[in-house]
């Protein structure tokens, strides 16, 4: 579908729908923002393949996406929600994520769409076109067939999963998780990146960190403005080296190991100006970023928090990894011990379940 007026009329007809199955195709290999290539919608009567390269999103469709009373059925929806927001300014509400529902019900995380369809319907779905070029036009018949099948089975699966999860003790948590997915799609785009998360940042001292943060924030904004991935501008490790050598010429910048010549050509003058301005300014400091390997008690504290997660998960009939993965637990432990860098997961229903027992145990480790 590529006609704006036709899409607008169709969206108006969905105003009273109970549910819609939705999927997207996009490309994001070298860009900061994903490029929306196709939007698939199934209303239980027909499948519509909407081409965002030739038609914009009518306001009537945004109203549908943002109506919490119309259930939007997606599978593994995080990236779909993000691209719908960044490309079409749609803040999706009323989400039912079939992957998340399956995780709550069967304690198996990240089940793929094809496997879920086969398990719940007995139908084999080929994923052969997953990595095809969705930005190229015209799309092939195989691509159209693949895209259509990505929504064809969602409504039937939704009905089964919805029936299973209703009445479960964790139904409220599942609904909260879907809501957090929706909110997270646009919060992620407006939450500043944290320089303390950068690789090898722990190698810098208190003074150099102030320069690193300036360059780190510059890269974040440049990535958005140029719509390029941050690594295509300059990687974390290269940024650390840039701060360490504090070059005064482009030739010195070229000595940084692994730095792409294109980055030097495009950005060297900006880096030199930032470094020069920093050197002539009043020097301030930032707290040193500790390397987790050097943090006393981190492993022991992580093990303690992991035991809490397992206990709370058992009480709520959840998979411990759904509640918090081991990597997230360690990140949380690091945050508590250093009193900074609070993980983004520390909110919502997870915080409600874990904050009190975490805080009680932290007293034994934090003086």
Protein backbone atom coordinates (compact mmCIF):
# COMPACT_ATOMS: atom_id res chain seq x y z
CA UNK A 1 0.00 0.00 0.00
CA UNK A 2 1.47 3.31 -1.09
CA UNK A 3 -1.49 5.69 -1.37
CA UNK A 4 -1.75 8.15 1.56
CA UNK A 5 -5.51 8.79 1.19
CA UNK A 6 -6.28 5.09 0.99
CA UNK A 7 -4.17 4.43 4.09
CA UNK A 8 -5.94 7.23 5.93
CA UNK A 9 -9.36 5.74 5.17
CA UNK A 10 -8.15 2.29 6.19
CA UNK A 11 -6.83 3.61 9.50
CA UNK A 12 -10.19 5.28 10.17
CA UNK A 13 -11.86 1.89 9.71
CA UNK A 14 -9.56 0.49 12.43
CA UNK A 15 -10.67 3.01 15.05
CA UNK A 16 -13.08 0.49 16.56
CA UNK A 17 -10.89 -2.60 16.13
CA UNK A 18 -10.24 -4.82 19.12
CA UNK A 19 -6.77 -5.82 18.00
CA UNK A 20 -4.27 -5.55 15.14
CA UNK A 21 -1.23 -7.68 14.37
CA UNK A 22 1.76 -5.50 13.44
CA UNK A 23 5.33 -6.00 12.29
CA UNK A 24 7.97 -3.89 10.57
CA UNK A 25 10.99 -4.35 8.35
CA UNK A 26 13.87 -1.91 8.72
CA UNK A 27 17.56 -1.38 8.05
CA UNK A 28 20.08 -0.01 10.55
CA UNK A 29 23.55 -1.23 9.62
CA UNK A 30 25.27 2.16 9.43
CA UNK A 31 22.71 4.63 10.78
CA UNK A 32 21.95 5.94 14.25
CA UNK A 33 18.22 5.74 13.57
CA UNK A 34 16.78 2.65 11.93
CA UNK A 35 15.30 3.20 8.46
CA UNK A 36 11.70 2.03 8.28
CA UNK A 37 11.26 -0.07 5.14
CA UNK A 38 7.84 -1.74 5.50
CA UNK A 39 4.93 -1.87 7.94
CA UNK A 40 2.71 -4.94 8.00
CA UNK A 41 -0.76 -4.83 9.55
CA UNK A 42 -3.23 -7.71 9.81
CA UNK A 43 -6.75 -6.92 11.02
CA UNK A 44 -7.96 -10.56 10.94
CA UNK A 45 -9.56 -9.99 7.54
CA UNK A 46 -6.72 -8.83 5.30
CA UNK A 47 -2.98 -8.19 5.47
CA UNK A 48 -1.79 -4.74 4.45
CA UNK A 49 1.82 -4.06 3.48
CA UNK A 50 2.45 -0.34 3.87
CA UNK A 51 5.40 1.21 2.05
CA UNK A 52 6.82 4.06 4.20
CA UNK A 53 9.27 5.00 1.45
CA UNK A 54 6.44 6.43 -0.64
CA UNK A 55 3.75 7.31 1.89
CA UNK A 56 3.83 9.09 5.23
CA UNK A 57 1.89 8.04 8.30
CA UNK A 58 -1.55 9.71 8.40
CA UNK A 59 -2.72 11.13 11.71
CA UNK A 60 -5.59 8.63 11.72
CA UNK A 61 -3.04 5.78 11.83
CA UNK A 62 -1.12 7.43 14.69
CA UNK A 63 -4.40 7.62 16.60
CA UNK A 64 -4.86 3.87 16.10
CA UNK A 65 -1.32 3.05 17.19
CA UNK A 66 -1.63 5.27 20.27
CA UNK A 67 -5.08 4.04 21.34
CA UNK A 68 -4.50 1.75 24.37
CA UNK A 69 -7.93 0.17 23.88
CA UNK A 70 -6.84 -1.38 20.57
CA UNK A 71 -4.48 -4.24 21.34
CA UNK A 72 -1.35 -4.13 19.20
CA UNK A 73 0.05 -7.65 18.79
CA UNK A 74 3.77 -7.77 18.01
CA UNK A 75 6.53 -10.30 18.51
CA UNK A 76 9.84 -9.20 20.04
CA UNK A 77 8.69 -5.63 19.66
CA UNK A 78 11.43 -3.38 21.05
CA UNK A 79 13.04 -2.47 17.73
CA UNK A 80 9.67 -2.22 15.98
CA UNK A 81 8.43 0.22 18.62
CA UNK A 82 11.59 2.29 18.30
CA UNK A 83 11.49 2.57 14.51
CA UNK A 84 7.78 3.42 14.52
CA UNK A 85 8.57 6.26 16.90
CA UNK A 86 11.69 7.61 15.19
CA UNK A 87 10.30 7.27 11.65
CA UNK A 88 6.60 7.94 12.11
CA UNK A 89 6.46 9.60 15.53
CA UNK A 90 4.09 6.88 16.77
CA UNK A 91 4.04 6.17 20.49
CA UNK A 92 2.47 2.72 20.42
CA UNK A 93 0.17 1.85 23.32
CA UNK A 94 -1.84 -1.25 24.16
CA UNK A 95 0.96 -3.69 23.36
CA UNK A 96 0.71 -7.46 23.64
CA UNK A 97 4.15 -8.87 22.88
CA UNK A 98 3.85 -12.57 22.11
CA UNK A 99 7.52 -13.24 22.91
CA UNK A 100 7.15 -11.60 26.33
CA UNK A 101 3.91 -13.47 27.03
CA UNK A 102 5.57 -16.77 26.16
CA UNK A 103 8.51 -15.90 28.45
CA UNK A 104 6.19 -15.33 31.40
CA UNK A 105 4.19 -18.48 30.70
CA UNK A 106 6.93 -20.94 29.85
CA UNK A 107 10.09 -19.37 31.33
CA UNK A 108 11.83 -19.55 27.95
CA UNK A 109 13.28 -16.21 26.98
CA UNK A 110 13.64 -14.82 23.46
CA UNK A 111 11.76 -17.49 21.53
CA UNK A 112 11.87 -16.64 17.83
CA UNK A 113 8.77 -15.99 15.77
CA UNK A 114 9.24 -19.00 13.50
CA UNK A 115 9.73 -21.36 16.43
CA UNK A 116 6.70 -19.93 18.23
CA UNK A 117 4.51 -20.31 15.15
CA UNK A 118 5.65 -23.90 14.66
CA UNK A 119 5.11 -24.78 18.32
CA UNK A 120 1.66 -23.21 18.56
CA UNK A 121 0.27 -23.91 15.09
CA UNK A 122 2.41 -26.68 13.64
CA UNK A 123 3.19 -24.50 10.62
CA UNK A 124 6.77 -24.02 9.43
CA UNK A 125 7.69 -20.42 8.60
CA UNK A 126 10.84 -19.80 6.59
CA UNK A 127 13.06 -16.91 7.75
CA UNK A 128 15.08 -16.93 4.54
CA UNK A 129 14.37 -13.27 3.72
CA UNK A 130 15.34 -11.92 7.14
CA UNK A 131 18.57 -10.34 5.93
CA UNK A 132 17.42 -9.31 2.47
CA UNK A 133 17.55 -5.66 1.35
CA UNK A 134 14.25 -4.17 2.49
CA UNK A 135 15.14 -0.67 1.30
CA UNK A 136 15.50 -1.74 -2.34
CA UNK A 137 12.53 -1.28 -4.65
CA UNK A 138 10.69 -3.07 -6.05
CA UNK A 139 10.44 -5.72 -3.35
CA UNK A 140 10.33 -9.29 -4.61
CA UNK A 141 7.34 -11.61 -4.35
CA UNK A 142 9.30 -13.69 -1.85
CA UNK A 143 9.81 -10.62 0.33
CA UNK A 144 6.10 -9.76 0.18
CA UNK A 145 5.19 -13.34 1.12
CA UNK A 146 7.72 -13.36 3.96
CA UNK A 147 6.48 -10.00 5.30
CA UNK A 148 2.86 -11.10 5.18
CA UNK A 149 3.56 -14.31 7.10
CA UNK A 150 5.22 -12.28 9.86
CA UNK A 151 1.76 -11.08 10.91
CA UNK A 152 -0.47 -13.84 9.53
CA UNK A 153 -0.29 -16.07 12.62
CA UNK A 154 -0.01 -13.43 15.32
CA UNK A 155 -3.71 -13.05 16.07
CA UNK A 156 -4.26 -16.79 16.59
CA UNK A 157 -1.16 -16.98 18.79
CA UNK A 158 -2.30 -13.91 20.72
CA UNK A 159 -5.69 -15.47 21.46
CA UNK A 160 -4.07 -18.63 22.82
CA UNK A 161 -1.45 -16.83 24.89
CA UNK A 162 -3.95 -14.29 26.17
CA UNK A 163 -6.24 -17.10 27.30
CA UNK A 164 -3.32 -18.79 29.06
CA UNK A 165 -1.97 -15.74 30.83
CA UNK A 166 -5.30 -14.36 32.04
CA UNK A 167 -5.81 -15.38 35.65
CA UNK A 168 -2.10 -16.00 36.26
CA UNK A 169 -0.55 -14.39 39.31
CA UNK A 170 1.94 -12.53 37.11
CA UNK A 171 -0.62 -11.08 34.67
CA UNK A 172 -0.14 -7.62 36.17
CA UNK A 173 3.64 -7.91 35.75
CA UNK A 174 3.25 -8.98 32.11
CA UNK A 175 1.06 -5.98 31.38
CA UNK A 176 3.56 -3.71 33.12
CA UNK A 177 6.39 -5.18 31.04
CA UNK A 178 4.52 -4.47 27.79
CA UNK A 179 3.80 -0.94 28.93
CA UNK A 180 7.47 -0.43 29.80
CA UNK A 181 8.42 -1.67 26.33
CA UNK A 182 6.19 1.04 24.84
CA UNK A 183 7.50 3.78 27.09
CA UNK A 184 11.08 2.65 26.63
CA UNK A 185 10.88 3.04 22.85
CA UNK A 186 10.77 6.82 23.06
CA UNK A 187 12.54 7.28 26.40
CA UNK A 188 15.59 5.58 24.89
CA UNK A 189 15.73 8.23 22.18
CA UNK A 190 15.64 11.04 24.76
CA UNK A 191 17.88 9.61 27.47
CA UNK A 192 21.47 10.88 27.24
CA UNK A 193 24.13 8.21 26.83
CA UNK A 194 26.35 7.77 29.89
CA UNK A 195 30.08 8.29 29.32
CA UNK A 196 30.80 5.94 32.22
CA UNK A 197 29.47 3.06 30.12
CA UNK A 198 32.17 3.53 27.48
CA UNK A 199 34.77 0.82 26.92
CA UNK A 200 38.21 1.49 28.51
CA UNK A 201 36.98 4.69 30.17
CA UNK A 202 38.45 3.39 33.44
CA UNK A 203 41.93 4.04 31.98
CA UNK A 204 41.47 7.81 32.32
CA UNK A 205 42.22 10.01 35.32
CA UNK A 206 39.92 12.55 36.96
CA UNK A 207 41.01 15.46 34.77
CA UNK A 208 41.09 13.63 31.44
CA UNK A 209 37.58 12.38 32.10
CA UNK A 210 36.25 15.92 31.71
CA UNK A 211 37.66 16.05 28.17
CA UNK A 212 36.40 12.54 27.46
CA UNK A 213 32.87 13.49 28.51
CA UNK A 214 32.91 16.52 26.21
CA UNK A 215 34.05 14.40 23.27
CA UNK A 216 31.65 11.59 24.21
CA UNK A 217 28.68 13.99 24.26
CA UNK A 218 29.88 15.54 20.99
CA UNK A 219 29.91 12.08 19.36
CA UNK A 220 26.39 11.35 20.59
CA UNK A 221 25.04 14.56 19.05
CA UNK A 222 27.05 14.14 15.86
CA UNK A 223 25.72 10.59 15.45
CA UNK A 224 22.16 11.91 15.69
CA UNK A 225 22.80 14.87 13.39
CA UNK A 226 24.58 12.77 10.74
CA UNK A 227 22.40 9.70 11.34
CA UNK A 228 25.46 7.47 11.61
CA UNK A 229 26.29 4.81 14.16
CA UNK A 230 28.63 6.03 16.88
CA UNK A 231 31.25 3.44 15.96
CA UNK A 232 31.30 4.76 12.41
CA UNK A 233 32.34 8.13 13.81
CA UNK A 234 34.84 6.99 16.43
CA UNK A 235 34.84 3.95 18.73
CA UNK A 236 35.06 4.17 22.53
CA UNK A 237 38.61 2.84 22.64
CA UNK A 238 39.72 5.30 19.96
CA UNK A 239 38.07 8.12 21.85
CA UNK A 240 40.03 7.15 24.96
CA UNK A 241 43.25 7.23 22.93
CA UNK A 242 42.32 10.63 21.51
CA UNK A 243 41.99 11.97 25.04
CA UNK A 244 45.26 10.40 26.14
CA UNK A 245 47.41 11.88 23.36
CA UNK A 246 45.55 15.23 23.17
CA UNK A 247 46.73 15.89 19.62
CA UNK A 248 47.33 19.35 18.20
CA UNK A 249 47.48 18.24 14.56
CA UNK A 250 45.56 15.91 12.26
CA UNK A 251 48.76 13.99 11.66
CA UNK A 252 48.91 13.05 15.33
CA UNK A 253 45.28 11.90 15.19
CA UNK A 254 46.16 9.54 12.34
CA UNK A 255 48.46 7.67 14.73
CA UNK A 256 45.48 6.34 16.71
CA UNK A 257 45.36 2.60 16.05
CA UNK A 258 42.32 1.46 14.06
CA UNK A 259 40.82 4.91 13.49
CA UNK A 260 39.28 5.06 10.01
CA UNK A 261 40.76 7.65 7.62
CA UNK A 262 37.24 8.84 6.79
CA UNK A 263 36.68 9.81 10.42
CA UNK A 264 39.94 11.75 10.45
CA UNK A 265 38.96 13.55 7.27
CA UNK A 266 35.46 14.45 8.49
CA UNK A 267 35.97 15.18 12.17
CA UNK A 268 39.64 15.93 12.93
CA UNK A 269 39.17 19.71 12.93
CA UNK A 270 36.25 19.47 15.35
CA UNK A 271 38.25 17.24 17.68
CA UNK A 272 41.22 19.61 17.58
CA UNK A 273 38.99 22.58 18.39
CA UNK A 274 37.38 20.75 21.33
CA UNK A 275 40.77 19.70 22.71
CA UNK A 276 42.24 23.19 22.28
CA UNK A 277 39.28 24.82 24.05
CA UNK A 278 39.49 22.28 26.88
CA UNK A 279 43.21 22.88 27.34
CA UNK A 280 42.73 26.64 27.73
CA UNK A 281 39.74 26.30 30.07
CA UNK A 282 39.75 25.91 33.82
CA UNK A 283 40.48 22.28 34.58
CA UNK A 284 37.78 20.44 36.47
CA UNK A 285 37.61 16.81 37.52
CA UNK A 286 35.18 13.92 37.46
CA UNK A 287 35.26 10.84 39.70
CA UNK A 288 37.39 8.05 38.29
CA UNK A 289 35.36 5.28 36.66
CA UNK A 290 36.28 2.04 38.36
CA UNK A 291 37.00 -1.10 36.41
CA UNK A 292 34.63 -3.85 37.65
CA UNK A 293 37.60 -6.24 37.81
CA UNK A 294 39.23 -3.98 40.39
CA UNK A 295 36.18 -3.59 42.60
CA UNK A 296 36.44 -5.46 45.86
CA UNK A 297 33.46 -7.66 46.78
CA UNK A 298 31.78 -7.27 43.37
CA UNK A 299 31.57 -11.00 42.65
CA UNK A 300 30.48 -11.86 46.19
CA UNK A 301 27.84 -9.11 46.19
CA UNK A 302 26.64 -10.16 42.72
CA UNK A 303 26.19 -13.73 43.99
CA UNK A 304 24.17 -12.41 46.93
CA UNK A 305 21.90 -10.38 44.63
CA UNK A 306 21.54 -13.35 42.29
CA UNK A 307 20.23 -15.44 45.18
CA UNK A 308 17.68 -12.71 45.91
CA UNK A 309 16.60 -12.60 42.27
CA UNK A 310 16.10 -16.37 42.24
CA UNK A 311 14.07 -16.23 45.44
CA UNK A 312 11.85 -13.36 44.24
CA UNK A 313 11.41 -15.03 40.85
CA UNK A 314 10.35 -18.27 42.53
CA UNK A 315 7.81 -16.40 44.67
CA UNK A 316 6.31 -14.80 41.56
CA UNK A 317 6.58 -17.93 39.36
CA UNK A 318 8.96 -16.23 36.95
CA UNK A 319 12.16 -17.20 35.25
CA UNK A 320 15.04 -15.58 37.19
CA UNK A 321 16.60 -14.44 33.90
CA UNK A 322 13.35 -12.73 32.92
CA UNK A 323 13.52 -10.81 36.16
CA UNK A 324 17.22 -9.98 35.79
CA UNK A 325 20.00 -11.60 33.79
CA UNK A 326 23.38 -12.34 35.39
CA UNK A 327 24.90 -9.49 33.41
CA UNK A 328 22.25 -7.09 34.70
CA UNK A 329 22.72 -8.34 38.26
CA UNK A 330 26.45 -7.63 38.08
CA UNK A 331 25.73 -4.19 36.66
CA UNK A 332 23.34 -3.55 39.52
CA UNK A 333 25.87 -4.74 42.10
CA UNK A 334 28.49 -2.45 40.56
CA UNK A 335 26.06 0.47 40.69
CA UNK A 336 25.26 -0.08 44.36
CA UNK A 337 28.89 -0.51 45.42
CA UNK A 338 30.02 2.61 43.55
CA UNK A 339 26.86 4.61 44.28
CA UNK A 340 26.45 5.70 40.66
CA UNK A 341 25.58 4.55 37.16
CA UNK A 342 22.12 3.27 38.06
CA UNK A 343 20.96 0.76 35.40
CA UNK A 344 17.95 1.66 33.27
CA UNK A 345 16.13 -1.47 34.49
CA UNK A 346 15.96 0.05 37.98
CA UNK A 347 12.41 1.19 37.50
CA UNK A 348 8.88 -0.13 37.18
CA UNK A 349 7.86 -3.59 38.33
CA UNK A 350 11.41 -4.90 38.75
CA UNK A 351 12.23 -2.08 41.13
CA UNK A 352 9.05 -2.75 43.09
CA UNK A 353 9.98 -6.41 43.53
CA UNK A 354 13.71 -6.03 44.18
CA UNK A 355 14.45 -2.64 45.72
CA UNK A 356 13.71 -3.55 49.33
CA UNK A 357 15.63 -6.87 49.49
CA UNK A 358 18.50 -5.38 47.46
CA UNK A 359 18.78 -2.40 49.80
CA UNK A 360 18.70 -4.63 52.88
CA UNK A 361 21.57 -6.77 51.61
CA UNK A 362 23.58 -3.78 50.35
CA UNK A 363 24.03 -2.60 53.96
CA UNK A 364 26.31 -5.57 54.51
CA UNK A 365 28.61 -4.50 51.65
CA UNK A 366 28.40 -0.71 51.52
CA UNK A 367 29.79 1.18 54.48
